[in-house]
C-alpha atoms as a PDB file:
ATOM      1  CA  UNK A   1     100.370 130.661 104.250  1.00  0.00           C
ATOM      2  CA  UNK A   2     100.930 131.959 100.560  1.00  0.00           C
ATOM      3  CA  UNK A   3      98.348 131.010  98.258  1.00  0.00           C
ATOM      4  CA  UNK A   4     100.204 129.740  95.223  1.00  0.00           C
ATOM      5  CA  UNK A   5     103.356 128.663  96.951  1.00  0.00           C
ATOM      6  CA  UNK A   6     104.648 125.065  95.825  1.00  0.00           C
ATOM      7  CA  UNK A   7     105.019 122.755  99.142  1.00  0.00           C
ATOM      8  CA  UNK A   8     106.745 119.475  99.044  1.00  0.00           C
ATOM      9  CA  UNK A   9     104.733 116.437 101.059  1.00  0.00           C
ATOM     10  CA  UNK A  10     108.179 114.310 101.790  1.00  0.00           C
ATOM     11  CA  UNK A  11     107.983 110.516 101.060  1.00  0.00           C
ATOM     12  CA  UNK A  12     106.437 108.567 103.072  1.00  0.00           C
ATOM     13  CA  UNK A  13     104.693 111.457 105.017  1.00  0.00           C
ATOM     14  CA  UNK A  14     101.400 113.170 104.795  1.00  0.00           C
ATOM     15  CA  UNK A  15      99.990 116.256 105.564  1.00  0.00           C
ATOM     16  CA  UNK A  16      96.631 118.152 106.693  1.00  0.00           C
ATOM     17  CA  UNK A  17      95.456 121.376 104.831  1.00  0.00           C
ATOM     18  CA  UNK A  18      92.296 123.629 106.075  1.00  0.00           C
ATOM     19  CA  UNK A  19      90.111 124.789 103.001  1.00  0.00           C
ATOM     20  CA  UNK A  20      87.540 127.152 103.640  1.00  0.00           C
ATOM     21  CA  UNK A  21      84.743 126.701 101.502  1.00  0.00           C
ATOM     22  CA  UNK A  22      85.650 127.251  97.919  1.00  0.00           C
ATOM     23  CA  UNK A  23      88.807 127.538  98.525  1.00  0.00           C
ATOM     24  CA  UNK A  24      91.164 125.563  95.977  1.00  0.00           C
ATOM     25  CA  UNK A  25      93.891 123.605  96.322  1.00  0.00           C
ATOM     26  CA  UNK A  26      96.464 121.841  93.421  1.00  0.00           C
ATOM     27  CA  UNK A  27      97.999 118.150  94.320  1.00  0.00           C
ATOM     28  CA  UNK A  28     101.415 117.423  92.161  1.00  0.00           C
ATOM     29  CA  UNK A  29     102.127 114.681  91.185  1.00  0.00           C
ATOM     30  CA  UNK A  30     106.006 115.765  90.739  1.00  0.00           C
ATOM     31  CA  UNK A  31     107.538 112.576  89.456  1.00  0.00           C
ATOM     32  CA  UNK A  32     104.483 111.025  87.736  1.00  0.00           C
ATOM     33  CA  UNK A  33     104.533 108.135  89.626  1.00  0.00           C
ATOM     34  CA  UNK A  34     103.299 108.535  92.880  1.00  0.00           C
ATOM     35  CA  UNK A  35     100.226 107.422  94.596  1.00  0.00           C
ATOM     36  CA  UNK A  36      98.513 109.969  97.285  1.00  0.00           C
ATOM     37  CA  UNK A  37      95.961 108.277  99.753  1.00  0.00           C
ATOM     38  CA  UNK A  38      93.526 111.560 100.368  1.00  0.00           C
ATOM     39  CA  UNK A  39      90.902 112.060 102.779  1.00  0.00           C
ATOM     40  CA  UNK A  40      88.476 115.188 103.956  1.00  0.00           C
ATOM     41  CA  UNK A  41      86.566 116.037 106.462  1.00  0.00           C
ATOM     42  CA  UNK A  42      84.217 118.110 107.620  1.00  0.00           C
ATOM     43  CA  UNK A  43      85.405 120.742 109.696  1.00  0.00           C
ATOM     44  CA  UNK A  44      82.282 120.925 111.933  1.00  0.00           C
ATOM     45  CA  UNK A  45      82.225 117.285 112.254  1.00  0.00           C
ATOM     46  CA  UNK A  46      84.963 114.731 112.124  1.00  0.00           C
ATOM     47  CA  UNK A  47      82.182 112.119 111.563  1.00  0.00           C
ATOM     48  CA  UNK A  48      81.256 112.826 108.449  1.00  0.00           C
ATOM     49  CA  UNK A  49      83.831 112.743 105.762  1.00  0.00           C
ATOM     50  CA  UNK A  50      84.352 112.308 101.996  1.00  0.00           C
ATOM     51  CA  UNK A  51      82.933 108.536 101.395  1.00  0.00           C
ATOM     52  CA  UNK A  52      84.215 106.372  98.205  1.00  0.00           C
ATOM     53  CA  UNK A  53      80.839 103.810  98.916  1.00  0.00           C
ATOM     54  CA  UNK A  54      78.626 106.738  99.214  1.00  0.00           C
ATOM     55  CA  UNK A  55      80.371 108.346  96.486  1.00  0.00           C
ATOM     56  CA  UNK A  56      80.231 105.451  94.126  1.00  0.00           C
ATOM     57  CA  UNK A  57      76.679 105.006  94.863  1.00  0.00           C
ATOM     58  CA  UNK A  58      75.902 108.803  93.642  1.00  0.00           C
ATOM     59  CA  UNK A  59      78.360 109.053  90.179  1.00  0.00           C
ATOM     60  CA  UNK A  60      77.916 104.752  89.171  1.00  0.00           C
ATOM     61  CA  UNK A  61      81.376 105.069  88.729  1.00  0.00           C
ATOM     62  CA  UNK A  62      84.599 103.876  90.600  1.00  0.00           C
ATOM     63  CA  UNK A  63      86.482 106.362  88.494  1.00  0.00           C
ATOM     64  CA  UNK A  64      85.838 110.320  89.711  1.00  0.00           C
ATOM     65  CA  UNK A  65      86.024 112.567  87.011  1.00  0.00           C
ATOM     66  CA  UNK A  66      86.947 116.180  85.931  1.00  0.00           C
ATOM     67  CA  UNK A  67      83.730 118.237  86.742  1.00  0.00           C
ATOM     68  CA  UNK A  68      82.247 115.713  89.463  1.00  0.00           C
ATOM     69  CA  UNK A  69      81.664 116.023  93.124  1.00  0.00           C
ATOM     70  CA  UNK A  70      83.006 113.807  95.217  1.00  0.00           C
ATOM     71  CA  UNK A  71      80.018 113.486  98.565  1.00  0.00           C
ATOM     72  CA  UNK A  72      80.508 112.885 101.967  1.00  0.00           C
ATOM     73  CA  UNK A  73      78.773 109.738 104.301  1.00  0.00           C
ATOM     74  CA  UNK A  74      75.819 112.016 104.283  1.00  0.00           C
ATOM     75  CA  UNK A  75      76.066 112.445 100.379  1.00  0.00           C
ATOM     76  CA  UNK A  76      76.520 116.293 100.704  1.00  0.00           C
ATOM     77  CA  UNK A  77      79.133 117.403  98.291  1.00  0.00           C
ATOM     78  CA  UNK A  78      82.856 117.913  99.972  1.00  0.00           C
ATOM     79  CA  UNK A  79      85.015 118.243  97.183  1.00  0.00           C
ATOM     80  CA  UNK A  80      84.167 119.554  93.512  1.00  0.00           C
ATOM     81  CA  UNK A  81      86.928 117.846  90.919  1.00  0.00           C
ATOM     82  CA  UNK A  82      87.866 121.698  88.925  1.00  0.00           C
ATOM     83  CA  UNK A  83      90.888 119.788  86.638  1.00  0.00           C
ATOM     84  CA  UNK A  84      92.680 117.019  86.111  1.00  0.00           C
ATOM     85  CA  UNK A  85      95.276 116.412  83.731  1.00  0.00           C
ATOM     86  CA  UNK A  86      95.720 113.028  84.022  1.00  0.00           C
ATOM     87  CA  UNK A  87      93.924 110.217  82.123  1.00  0.00           C
ATOM     88  CA  UNK A  88      91.842 110.033  85.480  1.00  0.00           C
ATOM     89  CA  UNK A  89      92.655 106.861  86.868  1.00  0.00           C
ATOM     90  CA  UNK A  90      92.662 106.993  90.731  1.00  0.00           C
ATOM     91  CA  UNK A  91      91.632 104.696  92.910  1.00  0.00           C
ATOM     92  CA  UNK A  92      88.245 104.493  95.214  1.00  0.00           C
ATOM     93  CA  UNK A  93      87.963 100.214  95.889  1.00  0.00           C
ATOM     94  CA  UNK A  94      91.639  99.643  97.679  1.00  0.00           C
ATOM     95  CA  UNK A  95      91.745 100.233 101.444  1.00  0.00           C
ATOM     96  CA  UNK A  96      94.822 102.435 102.835  1.00  0.00           C
ATOM     97  CA  UNK A  97      97.564 100.316 103.680  1.00  0.00           C
ATOM     98  CA  UNK A  98      98.084  99.693 107.634  1.00  0.00           C
ATOM     99  CA  UNK A  99     100.375  97.324 109.437  1.00  0.00           C
ATOM    100  CA  UNK A 100      98.577  94.038 108.601  1.00  0.00           C
ATOM    101  CA  UNK A 101      98.567  94.479 104.613  1.00  0.00           C
ATOM    102  CA  UNK A 102     102.359  94.750 105.068  1.00  0.00           C
ATOM    103  CA  UNK A 103     102.442  91.397 107.355  1.00  0.00           C
ATOM    104  CA  UNK A 104     100.437  89.734 104.784  1.00  0.00           C
ATOM    105  CA  UNK A 105     103.042  91.046 102.142  1.00  0.00           C
ATOM    106  CA  UNK A 106     106.036  89.706 104.679  1.00  0.00           C
ATOM    107  CA  UNK A 107     107.138  92.161 106.433  1.00  0.00           C
ATOM    108  CA  UNK A 108     107.901  91.313 109.928  1.00  0.00           C
ATOM    109  CA  UNK A 109     109.226  94.753 110.943  1.00  0.00           C
ATOM    110  CA  UNK A 110     106.972  97.991 111.097  1.00  0.00           C
ATOM    111  CA  UNK A 111     106.024  99.434 107.818  1.00  0.00           C
ATOM    112  CA  UNK A 112     105.346 103.256 107.526  1.00  0.00           C
ATOM    113  CA  UNK A 113     101.725 102.968 105.874  1.00  0.00           C
ATOM    114  CA  UNK A 114      98.898 105.287 105.333  1.00  0.00           C
ATOM    115  CA  UNK A 115      96.423 104.681 107.845  1.00  0.00           C
ATOM    116  CA  UNK A 116      98.950 105.598 110.374  1.00  0.00           C
ATOM    117  CA  UNK A 117      99.914 108.347 109.062  1.00  0.00           C
ATOM    118  CA  UNK A 118      96.231 109.662 108.810  1.00  0.00           C
ATOM    119  CA  UNK A 119      95.923 108.203 112.690  1.00  0.00           C
ATOM    120  CA  UNK A 120      98.917 110.226 113.556  1.00  0.00           C
ATOM    121  CA  UNK A 121      97.659 113.207 111.534  1.00  0.00           C
ATOM    122  CA  UNK A 122      94.121 113.126 113.333  1.00  0.00           C
ATOM    123  CA  UNK A 123      95.671 112.690 116.656  1.00  0.00           C
ATOM    124  CA  UNK A 124      97.987 115.487 116.201  1.00  0.00           C
ATOM    125  CA  UNK A 125      95.431 118.096 114.831  1.00  0.00           C
ATOM    126  CA  UNK A 126      93.540 117.243 118.466  1.00  0.00           C
ATOM    127  CA  UNK A 127      91.083 114.286 117.298  1.00  0.00           C
ATOM    128  CA  UNK A 128      90.518 110.862 118.797  1.00  0.00           C
ATOM    129  CA  UNK A 129      91.034 108.525 116.084  1.00  0.00           C
ATOM    130  CA  UNK A 130      88.298 107.079 114.266  1.00  0.00           C
ATOM    131  CA  UNK A 131      87.775 104.087 111.971  1.00  0.00           C
ATOM    132  CA  UNK A 132      90.201 104.560 108.702  1.00  0.00           C
ATOM    133  CA  UNK A 133      87.843 105.672 106.144  1.00  0.00           C
ATOM    134  CA  UNK A 134      88.363 104.669 102.788  1.00  0.00           C
ATOM    135  CA  UNK A 135      90.641 107.093 100.679  1.00  0.00           C
ATOM    136  CA  UNK A 136      90.995 108.251  97.409  1.00  0.00           C
ATOM    137  CA  UNK A 137      93.882 107.028  95.470  1.00  0.00           C
ATOM    138  CA  UNK A 138      95.334 109.316  93.630  1.00  0.00           C
ATOM    139  CA  UNK A 139      96.802 108.359  90.428  1.00  0.00           C
ATOM    140  CA  UNK A 140      96.468 104.630  92.065  1.00  0.00           C
ATOM    141  CA  UNK A 141      95.684 101.986  88.692  1.00  0.00           C
ATOM    142  CA  UNK A 142      93.683  99.174  89.373  1.00  0.00           C
ATOM    143  CA  UNK A 143      92.557  97.908  86.847  1.00  0.00           C
ATOM    144  CA  UNK A 144      89.023  95.596  87.149  1.00  0.00           C
ATOM    145  CA  UNK A 145      88.253  92.514  84.769  1.00  0.00           C
ATOM    146  CA  UNK A 146      85.391  91.121  83.198  1.00  0.00           C
ATOM    147  CA  UNK A 147      85.236  89.005  85.934  1.00  0.00           C
ATOM    148  CA  UNK A 148      85.911  91.361  89.233  1.00  0.00           C
ATOM    149  CA  UNK A 149      89.576  90.488  89.264  1.00  0.00           C
ATOM    150  CA  UNK A 150      91.745  93.621  90.139  1.00  0.00           C
ATOM    151  CA  UNK A 151      95.321  94.283  88.991  1.00  0.00           C
ATOM    152  CA  UNK A 152      97.736  96.306  91.447  1.00  0.00           C
ATOM    153  CA  UNK A 153      99.375  98.497  88.326  1.00  0.00           C
ATOM    154  CA  UNK A 154     101.757 101.286  87.264  1.00  0.00           C
ATOM    155  CA  UNK A 155     100.374 104.486  87.386  1.00  0.00           C
ATOM    156  CA  UNK A 156      98.785 105.771  84.300  1.00  0.00           C
ATOM    157  CA  UNK A 157      99.908 109.212  85.317  1.00  0.00           C
ATOM    158  CA  UNK A 158     103.061 111.353  83.860  1.00  0.00           C
ATOM    159  CA  UNK A 159     105.293 113.611  85.672  1.00  0.00           C
ATOM    160  CA  UNK A 160     103.719 116.574  86.919  1.00  0.00           C
ATOM    161  CA  UNK A 161     100.083 115.901  86.148  1.00  0.00           C
ATOM    162  CA  UNK A 162      97.996 117.412  88.843  1.00  0.00           C
ATOM    163  CA  UNK A 163      94.300 117.546  89.942  1.00  0.00           C
ATOM    164  CA  UNK A 164      92.666 120.550  91.769  1.00  0.00           C
ATOM    165  CA  UNK A 165      90.269 120.404  93.922  1.00  0.00           C
ATOM    166  CA  UNK A 166      87.561 122.896  95.492  1.00  0.00           C
ATOM    167  CA  UNK A 167      86.387 122.526  98.733  1.00  0.00           C
ATOM    168  CA  UNK A 168      82.558 122.494  99.292  1.00  0.00           C
ATOM    169  CA  UNK A 169      82.337 123.173 102.583  1.00  0.00           C
ATOM    170  CA  UNK A 170      84.755 124.423 105.093  1.00  0.00           C
ATOM    171  CA  UNK A 171      86.755 120.952 105.647  1.00  0.00           C
ATOM    172  CA  UNK A 172      90.348 119.276 106.256  1.00  0.00           C
ATOM    173  CA  UNK A 173      91.837 117.280 103.367  1.00  0.00           C
ATOM    174  CA  UNK A 174      94.594 115.047 104.271  1.00  0.00           C
ATOM    175  CA  UNK A 175      97.054 113.586 102.149  1.00  0.00           C
ATOM    176  CA  UNK A 176      99.813 110.628 102.604  1.00  0.00           C
ATOM    177  CA  UNK A 177     102.465 110.149 100.358  1.00  0.00           C
ATOM    178  CA  UNK A 178     101.736 106.313  99.963  1.00  0.00           C
ATOM    179  CA  UNK A 179     105.097 103.979 101.290  1.00  0.00           C
ATOM    180  CA  UNK A 180     103.991 100.737  99.453  1.00  0.00           C
ATOM    181  CA  UNK A 181     107.189  99.566  97.617  1.00  0.00           C
ATOM    182  CA  UNK A 182     106.486  95.829  97.870  1.00  0.00           C
ATOM    183  CA  UNK A 183     103.636  96.283  94.770  1.00  0.00           C
ATOM    184  CA  UNK A 184     104.323  98.224  92.412  1.00  0.00           C
ATOM    185  CA  UNK A 185     101.158 100.954  92.436  1.00  0.00           C
ATOM    186  CA  UNK A 186     103.886 103.906  92.970  1.00  0.00           C
ATOM    187  CA  UNK A 187     105.826 102.462  90.059  1.00  0.00           C
ATOM    188  CA  UNK A 188     108.014  99.276  88.210  1.00  0.00           C
ATOM    189  CA  UNK A 189     110.859 100.438  90.535  1.00  0.00           C
ATOM    190  CA  UNK A 190     108.961 100.308  93.938  1.00  0.00           C
ATOM    191  CA  UNK A 191     110.302 103.887  94.654  1.00  0.00           C
ATOM    192  CA  UNK A 192     109.054 106.503  96.821  1.00  0.00           C
ATOM    193  CA  UNK A 193     108.691 109.841  96.075  1.00  0.00           C
ATOM    194  CA  UNK A 194     107.665 113.218  97.474  1.00  0.00           C
ATOM    195  CA  UNK A 195     104.564 114.753  95.772  1.00  0.00           C
ATOM    196  CA  UNK A 196     103.559 118.959  95.635  1.00  0.00           C
ATOM    197  CA  UNK A 197     100.585 120.628  96.453  1.00  0.00           C
ATOM    198  CA  UNK A 198      99.718 124.413  95.918  1.00  0.00           C
ATOM    199  CA  UNK A 199      96.481 126.625  97.629  1.00  0.00           C
ATOM    200  CA  UNK A 200      95.449 128.728  94.962  1.00  0.00           C
ATOM    201  CA  UNK A 201      94.324 132.546  94.496  1.00  0.00           C
ATOM    202  CA  UNK A 202      91.566 133.437  92.522  1.00  0.00           C
END
């Protein structure tokens, strides 16, 4: 794959990227309204993965920021946030959507979801399915009030906002273009749109 080539991930789909240590990837919110559920796994041990629970404990924040590391369940840095052009509202609290979530929201038929996207992607890579880790929900805006109540709100990001990650170990990055079209996390219109990414050369 050529560095700096702009690659599309279609609406509701997922993509896996094998990153070498120190390699950089730019993920672009092409339309400004799309949430991307993001996971990262150690290539050498799929049981070590980017963990929101552990990351919050290390950084003492629910919002990952430019200039910070993202940590695994073994408390090792796996990604570094080199640049974030958005207002920086990325969710670390909410689990990936799944068939049970959509049933609770009234869906009687199957609905595409990020958990199945992750599991199908891992299966296609030859890894046995594991319990779905909590993702880093890029651009997902979940305000938390003083009483601890959360709101599922539209993103604060705008067209072509982007985030650049630098791998801190050989890892597998998996992105799912979130298919949630019932609550307005993907904009008030609840329309799922494609995103793009680039592998960057120094």
